[in-house]
Amino acid sequence: MRIFEVIKKMAFDKSLDKALFSESAEFETTKVTVSVMSYNEGTAKLQLSRENLNPESGDYRFAKLGRLFKEEAEAVIPLIKKALEKM
């Protein structure tokens, strides 16, 4: 088997990724989403993601989560607790 065939078989397939839970905490210019995801019917995993508001278009764009402000952490902790119930 050629190396590119192996890599192709290992590639992420979005159609196999299922959201078991997803809820967001919205702030002035950003939102943090807590999700429980299962890939290919595998073990459920907790996912945290951030989206920043584009002031020109009004759309949210994916951004690296990085660090949380205290206000964000306080809003996300209850969502994490709800997500844990789905795992």
Protein backbone atom coordinates (compact mmCIF):
# COMPACT_ATOMS: atom_id res chain seq x y z
CA MET A 1 0.00 0.00 0.00
CA ARG A 2 1.39 3.38 -0.95
CA ILE A 3 1.93 6.02 1.69
CA PHE A 4 -0.69 8.42 0.24
CA GLU A 5 -3.28 5.61 0.36
CA VAL A 6 -2.54 5.08 4.06
CA ILE A 7 -2.79 8.81 4.74
CA LYS A 8 -6.05 9.03 2.78
CA LYS A 9 -7.55 6.23 4.89
CA MET A 10 -6.49 8.04 8.07
CA ALA A 11 -7.97 11.38 6.97
CA PHE A 12 -10.71 12.97 9.06
CA ASP A 13 -14.21 12.41 7.67
CA LYS A 14 -16.63 15.05 9.00
CA SER A 15 -19.62 12.84 8.22
CA LEU A 16 -18.41 10.39 10.91
CA ASP A 17 -18.19 13.11 13.59
CA LYS A 18 -21.39 13.29 15.65
CA ALA A 19 -22.30 16.00 18.16
CA LEU A 20 -23.94 14.43 21.22
CA PHE A 21 -24.22 17.78 23.01
CA SER A 22 -23.45 21.38 22.13
CA GLU A 23 -24.17 24.60 23.95
CA SER A 24 -22.55 28.04 23.74
CA ALA A 25 -21.94 30.93 26.10
CA GLU A 26 -22.06 34.21 24.17
CA PHE A 27 -20.21 37.38 25.10
CA GLU A 28 -19.83 40.79 23.47
CA THR A 29 -17.47 39.79 20.64
CA THR A 30 -16.92 36.08 21.15
CA LYS A 31 -18.64 32.83 22.06
CA VAL A 32 -17.28 29.70 23.67
CA THR A 33 -18.91 26.40 22.76
CA VAL A 34 -18.82 23.24 24.86
CA SER A 35 -19.53 20.08 22.88
CA VAL A 36 -19.44 16.35 23.34
CA MET A 37 -18.31 14.69 20.13
CA SER A 38 -18.06 11.07 19.05
CA TYR A 39 -16.04 10.15 15.98
CA ASN A 40 -17.07 7.00 14.10
CA GLU A 41 -19.21 5.81 17.06
CA GLY A 42 -16.11 5.97 19.27
CA THR A 43 -15.62 7.24 22.80
CA ALA A 44 -17.35 10.54 23.54
CA LYS A 45 -14.93 13.43 24.06
CA LEU A 46 -15.36 16.93 25.44
CA GLN A 47 -14.52 19.75 23.04
CA LEU A 48 -14.14 23.46 23.84
CA SER A 49 -13.99 25.97 21.00
CA ARG A 50 -14.06 29.71 20.52
CA GLU A 51 -15.55 31.81 17.73
CA ASN A 52 -14.92 35.53 17.38
CA LEU A 53 -17.45 37.93 15.90
CA ASN A 54 -16.39 39.57 12.65
CA PRO A 55 -17.69 43.15 13.03
CA GLU A 56 -17.83 43.69 9.28
CA SER A 57 -19.95 40.69 8.37
CA GLY A 58 -21.60 39.90 11.69
CA ASP A 59 -20.55 36.26 11.30
CA TYR A 60 -18.60 34.20 13.80
CA ARG A 61 -15.22 32.77 12.80
CA PHE A 62 -13.34 29.91 14.45
CA ALA A 63 -10.42 30.99 16.66
CA LYS A 64 -7.93 29.22 18.89
CA LEU A 65 -9.49 28.89 22.35
CA GLY A 66 -6.34 29.59 24.32
CA ARG A 67 -7.10 31.18 27.69
CA LEU A 68 -10.40 32.16 29.27
CA PHE A 69 -11.29 35.33 31.13
CA LYS A 70 -12.86 34.74 34.54
CA GLU A 71 -16.29 35.72 33.16
CA GLU A 72 -15.91 33.16 30.36
CA ALA A 73 -14.78 30.41 32.73
CA GLU A 74 -17.70 31.08 35.07
CA ALA A 75 -20.15 30.80 32.15
CA VAL A 76 -18.52 27.68 30.70
CA ILE A 77 -18.25 25.61 33.91
CA PRO A 78 -22.03 24.91 34.09
CA LEU A 79 -21.98 23.94 30.40
CA ILE A 80 -19.12 21.52 31.05
CA LYS A 81 -21.13 19.95 33.88
CA LYS A 82 -24.11 19.49 31.52
CA ALA A 83 -21.81 18.04 28.87
CA LEU A 84 -20.36 15.51 31.31
CA GLU A 85 -23.86 14.08 31.77
CA LYS A 86 -23.87 13.20 28.04
CA MET A 87 -20.58 11.33 28.20
